[in-house]
Amino acid sequence: MGEDKTEIFDMPSVTTLSKLYYADDEQATNKQRICLCEEIPALEEPPEQVTGSAVDIDYEFSRPGKKKAGTVEVPVFYTYTQHKRLKGIERKDKWFFVEYPEESVPEGEKPLIKKFRGCIALVGDTLTQDEWIKDKVTIYRSSEVNEIYGFPTTTPLSGS
């Protein structure tokens, strides 16, 4: 009798090494990595609940409403130089990209990227050994979160 192959054998390897980048444009040209993320929390919340009822039914029903803009607080480690660079973009509108680990995708596929617009505020947290700085980067989202696979690639215009 052959071995029963189930979905457990198709599980990807998992890591917490997701990466956070920012760029001036949606095409991620000149993207800069925000050094080492300790964790990347949920980027958005589900839509608010909108409830309703009718006279002829004895229960209330709900539907998804609008999503709140919200903020994302990301604890990060980085060097003095990277800290200065982030202070330089504080409160400026940027594109942010969260790249999921390459180890989480099958061979030949591109990792999931979540992208959105926003601006940051940088708040000091703690100092760690070897002079790494630990801060909290708060990202104020100003657009919806979109999913793509792999970073955007620009194609040259014909005739250029």
Protein backbone atom coordinates (compact mmCIF):
# COMPACT_ATOMS: atom_id res chain seq x y z
CA MET A 1 0.00 0.00 0.00
CA GLY A 2 1.40 3.46 -0.99
CA GLU A 3 2.07 6.25 1.47
CA ASP A 4 -0.88 8.60 1.87
CA LYS A 5 0.49 12.03 0.95
CA THR A 6 -1.35 14.83 2.75
CA GLU A 7 -0.99 18.58 2.83
CA ILE A 8 1.44 18.36 5.77
CA PHE A 9 4.17 17.33 3.31
CA ASP A 10 3.56 20.49 1.27
CA MET A 11 4.14 22.92 4.15
CA PRO A 12 6.69 25.66 3.41
CA SER A 13 9.70 26.30 5.60
CA VAL A 14 8.98 29.24 7.86
CA THR A 15 11.13 32.14 9.06
CA THR A 16 10.57 35.50 10.74
CA LEU A 17 12.99 37.34 8.49
CA SER A 18 10.46 39.48 6.63
CA LYS A 19 11.94 42.72 5.35
CA LEU A 20 10.59 46.27 5.42
CA TYR A 21 11.55 48.80 2.74
CA TYR A 22 10.55 52.33 1.77
CA ALA A 23 10.81 54.16 -1.54
CA ASP A 24 9.78 57.46 -3.08
CA ASP A 25 7.60 55.79 -5.70
CA GLU A 26 5.33 52.80 -6.17
CA GLN A 27 7.78 51.11 -8.54
CA ALA A 28 10.26 50.75 -5.66
CA THR A 29 13.11 52.33 -7.58
CA ASN A 30 15.82 53.24 -5.10
CA LYS A 31 14.17 51.32 -2.28
CA GLN A 32 15.89 51.45 1.10
CA ARG A 33 15.68 48.68 3.64
CA ILE A 34 14.74 49.53 7.21
CA CYS A 35 17.32 47.31 8.83
CA LEU A 36 16.27 44.41 11.08
CA CYS A 37 12.62 44.11 12.03
CA GLU A 38 11.98 42.34 15.28
CA GLU A 39 8.41 41.73 14.13
CA ILE A 40 6.01 43.16 11.60
CA PRO A 41 2.52 43.41 13.07
CA ALA A 42 -0.72 43.30 11.07
CA LEU A 43 -0.67 46.03 8.43
CA GLU A 44 -4.42 46.54 8.45
CA GLU A 45 -7.56 45.62 10.32
CA PRO A 46 -10.68 44.00 8.89
CA PRO A 47 -13.50 46.36 7.90
CA GLU A 48 -15.67 47.68 10.69
CA GLN A 49 -18.89 45.83 11.24
CA VAL A 50 -22.10 47.42 9.96
CA THR A 51 -25.19 45.84 11.50
CA GLY A 52 -28.80 45.86 10.46
CA SER A 53 -32.09 44.22 11.24
CA ALA A 54 -35.49 43.81 9.71
CA VAL A 55 -38.96 43.59 11.18
CA ASP A 56 -39.62 40.12 9.76
CA ILE A 57 -36.50 38.42 11.19
CA ASP A 58 -35.66 37.86 14.82
CA TYR A 59 -31.89 38.37 14.56
CA GLU A 60 -29.49 41.13 13.64
CA PHE A 61 -27.19 40.72 10.62
CA SER A 62 -23.84 42.27 9.81
CA ARG A 63 -21.87 43.19 6.73
CA PRO A 64 -18.33 44.50 6.32
CA GLY A 65 -18.11 48.30 6.34
CA LYS A 66 -15.07 50.49 5.71
CA LYS A 67 -11.51 49.76 6.79
CA LYS A 68 -9.88 52.20 9.17
CA ALA A 69 -6.60 53.80 8.14
CA GLY A 70 -4.77 52.91 11.33
CA THR A 71 -1.10 52.82 12.20
CA VAL A 72 1.52 50.10 12.23
CA GLU A 73 4.16 50.04 14.99
CA VAL A 74 7.30 48.16 13.96
CA PRO A 75 10.12 47.56 16.46
CA VAL A 76 13.40 47.78 14.52
CA PHE A 77 17.15 47.47 15.11
CA TYR A 78 19.63 49.51 13.09
CA THR A 79 22.81 51.54 13.14
CA TYR A 80 23.37 55.23 13.75
CA THR A 81 23.59 55.95 10.00
CA GLN A 82 20.31 54.21 9.29
CA HIS A 83 18.71 56.10 12.20
CA LYS A 84 19.79 59.43 10.70
CA ARG A 85 18.43 58.39 7.29
CA LEU A 86 15.03 57.50 8.81
CA LYS A 87 14.94 60.79 10.75
CA GLY A 88 15.44 62.50 7.38
CA ILE A 89 12.25 60.99 5.94
CA GLU A 90 10.13 61.40 9.07
CA ARG A 91 6.65 62.79 8.25
CA LYS A 92 7.31 62.59 4.50
CA ASP A 93 4.98 60.60 2.25
CA LYS A 94 6.66 57.35 1.08
CA TRP A 95 5.77 53.93 -0.28
CA PHE A 96 6.36 51.04 2.11
CA PHE A 97 6.96 47.43 1.12
CA VAL A 98 6.92 44.36 3.34
CA GLU A 99 8.71 41.44 1.68
CA TYR A 100 7.77 38.04 3.02
CA PRO A 101 10.62 35.52 3.45
CA GLU A 102 11.91 33.91 0.26
CA GLU A 103 12.06 30.64 2.19
CA SER A 104 8.26 30.67 2.38
CA VAL A 105 7.69 30.33 -1.38
CA PRO A 106 8.19 27.37 -3.70
CA GLU A 107 11.31 27.35 -5.87
CA GLY A 108 10.95 29.56 -8.93
CA GLU A 109 8.26 31.75 -7.38
CA LYS A 110 8.61 35.32 -6.11
CA PRO A 111 7.85 36.23 -2.49
CA LEU A 112 4.69 38.03 -1.46
CA ILE A 113 5.10 41.80 -1.16
CA LYS A 114 2.58 44.04 0.59
CA LYS A 115 2.78 47.70 -0.43
CA PHE A 116 1.11 50.88 0.79
CA ARG A 117 1.66 54.63 1.16
CA GLY A 118 2.29 56.36 4.44
CA CYS A 119 4.63 58.42 6.56
CA ILE A 120 6.61 57.54 9.66
CA ALA A 121 7.32 58.81 13.13
CA LEU A 122 10.42 57.49 14.87
CA VAL A 123 10.36 56.93 18.63
CA GLY A 124 13.41 55.82 20.63
CA ASP A 125 13.10 52.53 22.46
CA THR A 126 16.26 50.90 23.87
CA LEU A 127 19.94 50.52 23.18
CA THR A 128 21.39 47.04 22.76
CA GLN A 129 24.86 45.56 22.81
CA ASP A 130 27.21 46.22 19.89
CA GLU A 131 25.69 49.70 19.49
CA TRP A 132 22.55 48.65 17.69
CA ILE A 133 19.70 51.09 18.18
CA LYS A 134 16.23 49.76 18.90
CA ASP A 135 13.45 52.16 17.99
CA LYS A 136 9.80 51.95 17.20
CA VAL A 137 8.85 53.05 13.70
CA THR A 138 5.19 54.05 13.57
CA ILE A 139 3.83 54.05 10.03
CA TYR A 140 0.70 56.11 9.39
CA ARG A 141 -0.99 54.40 6.44
CA SER A 142 -2.59 56.68 3.86
CA SER A 143 -3.62 54.03 1.31
CA GLU A 144 -4.95 50.53 1.18
CA VAL A 145 -2.55 47.59 1.45
CA ASN A 146 -2.03 45.82 -1.89
CA GLU A 147 -0.41 42.44 -2.50
CA ILE A 148 1.99 41.71 -5.35
CA TYR A 149 4.45 38.90 -6.01
CA GLY A 150 8.02 40.12 -6.27
CA PHE A 151 9.02 43.76 -6.46
CA PRO A 152 7.67 45.80 -9.37
CA THR A 153 9.88 45.84 -12.41
CA THR A 154 10.01 48.75 -14.78
CA THR A 155 10.03 48.03 -18.47
CA PRO A 156 11.66 50.49 -20.87
CA LEU A 157 9.29 52.41 -23.12
CA SER A 158 9.40 51.33 -26.76
CA GLY A 159 11.52 53.61 -28.88
CA SER A 160 13.72 54.76 -25.97
